[in-house]
Amino acid sequence: MYLAFAHPTRASRAPSGFVRAHDLAKQYKADGCIADFRVDSCHKRGRVITLKNESGWSPYPLFVEYPSQEEQPN
C-alpha cells in the first residue's frame, strides 16, 4: 500500500529577496563594479545591504528588509 505522506518531498523554495540581493552584491564586487558591500541589521529596518564605490558608501541601500511606507514606490 502506498501512502502519499510516507515519503514527503520538499518543494524547492525560491530564494528570499535578501539572498538575491546579497548574491547580486557579491557579483557586483567580483565584477569590479563596486569596491565593497556590507550587511547591517537594525530593529526597525531589518537587514540592510549597502554598497561602496570609489566615492564612498552609497546613501541608497541595495536592499532593506523592512522598508518604511515612505521608502516604498507607489
C-alpha atoms as a PDB file:
ATOM      1  CA  MET A   1       0.000   0.000   0.000  1.00  0.00           C
ATOM      2  CA  TYR A   2       1.358   3.435  -0.924  1.00  0.00           C
ATOM      3  CA  LEU A   3       0.771   6.327   1.415  1.00  0.00           C
ATOM      4  CA  ALA A   4       1.328   9.759  -0.079  1.00  0.00           C
ATOM      5  CA  PHE A   5       2.553  11.193   3.203  1.00  0.00           C
ATOM      6  CA  ALA A   6       5.022   8.361   3.893  1.00  0.00           C
ATOM      7  CA  HIS A   7       7.762   9.940   1.786  1.00  0.00           C
ATOM      8  CA  PRO A   8       7.291  13.677   1.826  1.00  0.00           C
ATOM      9  CA  THR A   9       9.099  15.698  -0.764  1.00  0.00           C
ATOM     10  CA  ARG A  10      10.054  19.228  -0.072  1.00  0.00           C
ATOM     11  CA  ALA A  11       9.143  21.785  -2.646  1.00  0.00           C
ATOM     12  CA  SER A  12      12.082  23.902  -3.667  1.00  0.00           C
ATOM     13  CA  ARG A  13      11.803  27.334  -2.160  1.00  0.00           C
ATOM     14  CA  ALA A  14      12.645  30.416  -4.140  1.00  0.00           C
ATOM     15  CA  PRO A  15      15.487  32.437  -2.648  1.00  0.00           C
ATOM     16  CA  SER A  16      14.402  35.338  -0.483  1.00  0.00           C
ATOM     17  CA  GLY A  17      14.851  38.930  -1.535  1.00  0.00           C
ATOM     18  CA  PHE A  18      17.767  39.194   0.880  1.00  0.00           C
ATOM     19  CA  VAL A  19      19.534  36.179  -0.628  1.00  0.00           C
ATOM     20  CA  ARG A  20      19.059  37.514  -4.168  1.00  0.00           C
ATOM     21  CA  ALA A  21      20.309  40.978  -3.175  1.00  0.00           C
ATOM     22  CA  HIS A  22      23.293  39.510  -1.290  1.00  0.00           C
ATOM     23  CA  ASP A  23      24.204  37.358  -4.297  1.00  0.00           C
ATOM     24  CA  LEU A  24      23.896  40.420  -6.526  1.00  0.00           C
ATOM     25  CA  ALA A  25      26.182  42.456  -4.247  1.00  0.00           C
ATOM     26  CA  LYS A  26      28.758  39.632  -4.271  1.00  0.00           C
ATOM     27  CA  GLN A  27      28.598  39.525  -8.068  1.00  0.00           C
ATOM     28  CA  TYR A  28      28.995  43.317  -8.326  1.00  0.00           C
ATOM     29  CA  LYS A  29      32.121  43.086  -6.160  1.00  0.00           C
ATOM     30  CA  ALA A  30      33.539  40.132  -8.119  1.00  0.00           C
ATOM     31  CA  ASP A  31      32.951  42.015 -11.391  1.00  0.00           C
ATOM     32  CA  GLY A  32      34.670  45.139 -10.015  1.00  0.00           C
ATOM     33  CA  CYS A  33      31.531  47.276 -10.240  1.00  0.00           C
ATOM     34  CA  ILE A  34      31.772  48.164  -6.534  1.00  0.00           C
ATOM     35  CA  ALA A  35      34.622  48.340  -4.037  1.00  0.00           C
ATOM     36  CA  ASP A  36      32.754  46.565  -1.220  1.00  0.00           C
ATOM     37  CA  PHE A  37      29.391  45.972   0.404  1.00  0.00           C
ATOM     38  CA  ARG A  38      28.161  45.492   3.943  1.00  0.00           C
ATOM     39  CA  VAL A  39      25.166  43.991   5.685  1.00  0.00           C
ATOM     40  CA  ASP A  40      23.862  45.870   8.692  1.00  0.00           C
ATOM     41  CA  SER A  41      20.955  44.926  10.899  1.00  0.00           C
ATOM     42  CA  CYS A  42      18.641  47.088  12.947  1.00  0.00           C
ATOM     43  CA  HIS A  43      15.365  46.557  14.759  1.00  0.00           C
ATOM     44  CA  LYS A  44      13.344  48.957  12.608  1.00  0.00           C
ATOM     45  CA  ARG A  45      14.665  48.202   9.085  1.00  0.00           C
ATOM     46  CA  GLY A  46      15.874  44.606   9.460  1.00  0.00           C
ATOM     47  CA  ARG A  47      18.834  43.616   7.288  1.00  0.00           C
ATOM     48  CA  VAL A  48      20.215  46.354   5.054  1.00  0.00           C
ATOM     49  CA  ILE A  49      22.750  45.871   2.236  1.00  0.00           C
ATOM     50  CA  THR A  50      24.774  48.965   1.376  1.00  0.00           C
ATOM     51  CA  LEU A  51      27.280  49.310  -1.476  1.00  0.00           C
ATOM     52  CA  LYS A  52      30.599  51.159  -1.563  1.00  0.00           C
ATOM     53  CA  ASN A  53      32.150  52.592  -4.718  1.00  0.00           C
ATOM     54  CA  GLU A  54      35.219  54.762  -5.294  1.00  0.00           C
ATOM     55  CA  SER A  55      33.327  57.760  -3.849  1.00  0.00           C
ATOM     56  CA  GLY A  56      32.401  56.000  -0.595  1.00  0.00           C
ATOM     57  CA  TRP A  57      29.325  54.338   0.882  1.00  0.00           C
ATOM     58  CA  SER A  58      26.098  54.931  -1.000  1.00  0.00           C
ATOM     59  CA  PRO A  59      23.290  56.595   0.986  1.00  0.00           C
ATOM     60  CA  TYR A  60      20.826  54.464  -1.013  1.00  0.00           C
ATOM     61  CA  PRO A  61      20.816  50.835   0.118  1.00  0.00           C
ATOM     62  CA  LEU A  62      20.583  47.985  -2.367  1.00  0.00           C
ATOM     63  CA  PHE A  63      18.212  46.127  -0.042  1.00  0.00           C
ATOM     64  CA  VAL A  64      16.117  46.930   3.040  1.00  0.00           C
ATOM     65  CA  GLU A  65      14.289  44.024   4.662  1.00  0.00           C
ATOM     66  CA  TYR A  66      11.527  46.135   6.263  1.00  0.00           C
ATOM     67  CA  PRO A  67      11.206  49.353   4.275  1.00  0.00           C
ATOM     68  CA  SER A  68       9.085  52.102   5.757  1.00  0.00           C
ATOM     69  CA  GLN A  69       5.992  53.278   3.914  1.00  0.00           C
ATOM     70  CA  GLU A  70       7.868  56.411   2.778  1.00  0.00           C
ATOM     71  CA  GLU A  71      10.567  54.299   1.072  1.00  0.00           C
ATOM     72  CA  GLN A  72       8.184  52.072  -0.913  1.00  0.00           C
ATOM     73  CA  PRO A  73       7.413  53.050  -4.522  1.00  0.00           C
ATOM     74  CA  ASN A  74       3.818  53.930  -5.374  1.00  0.00           C
END
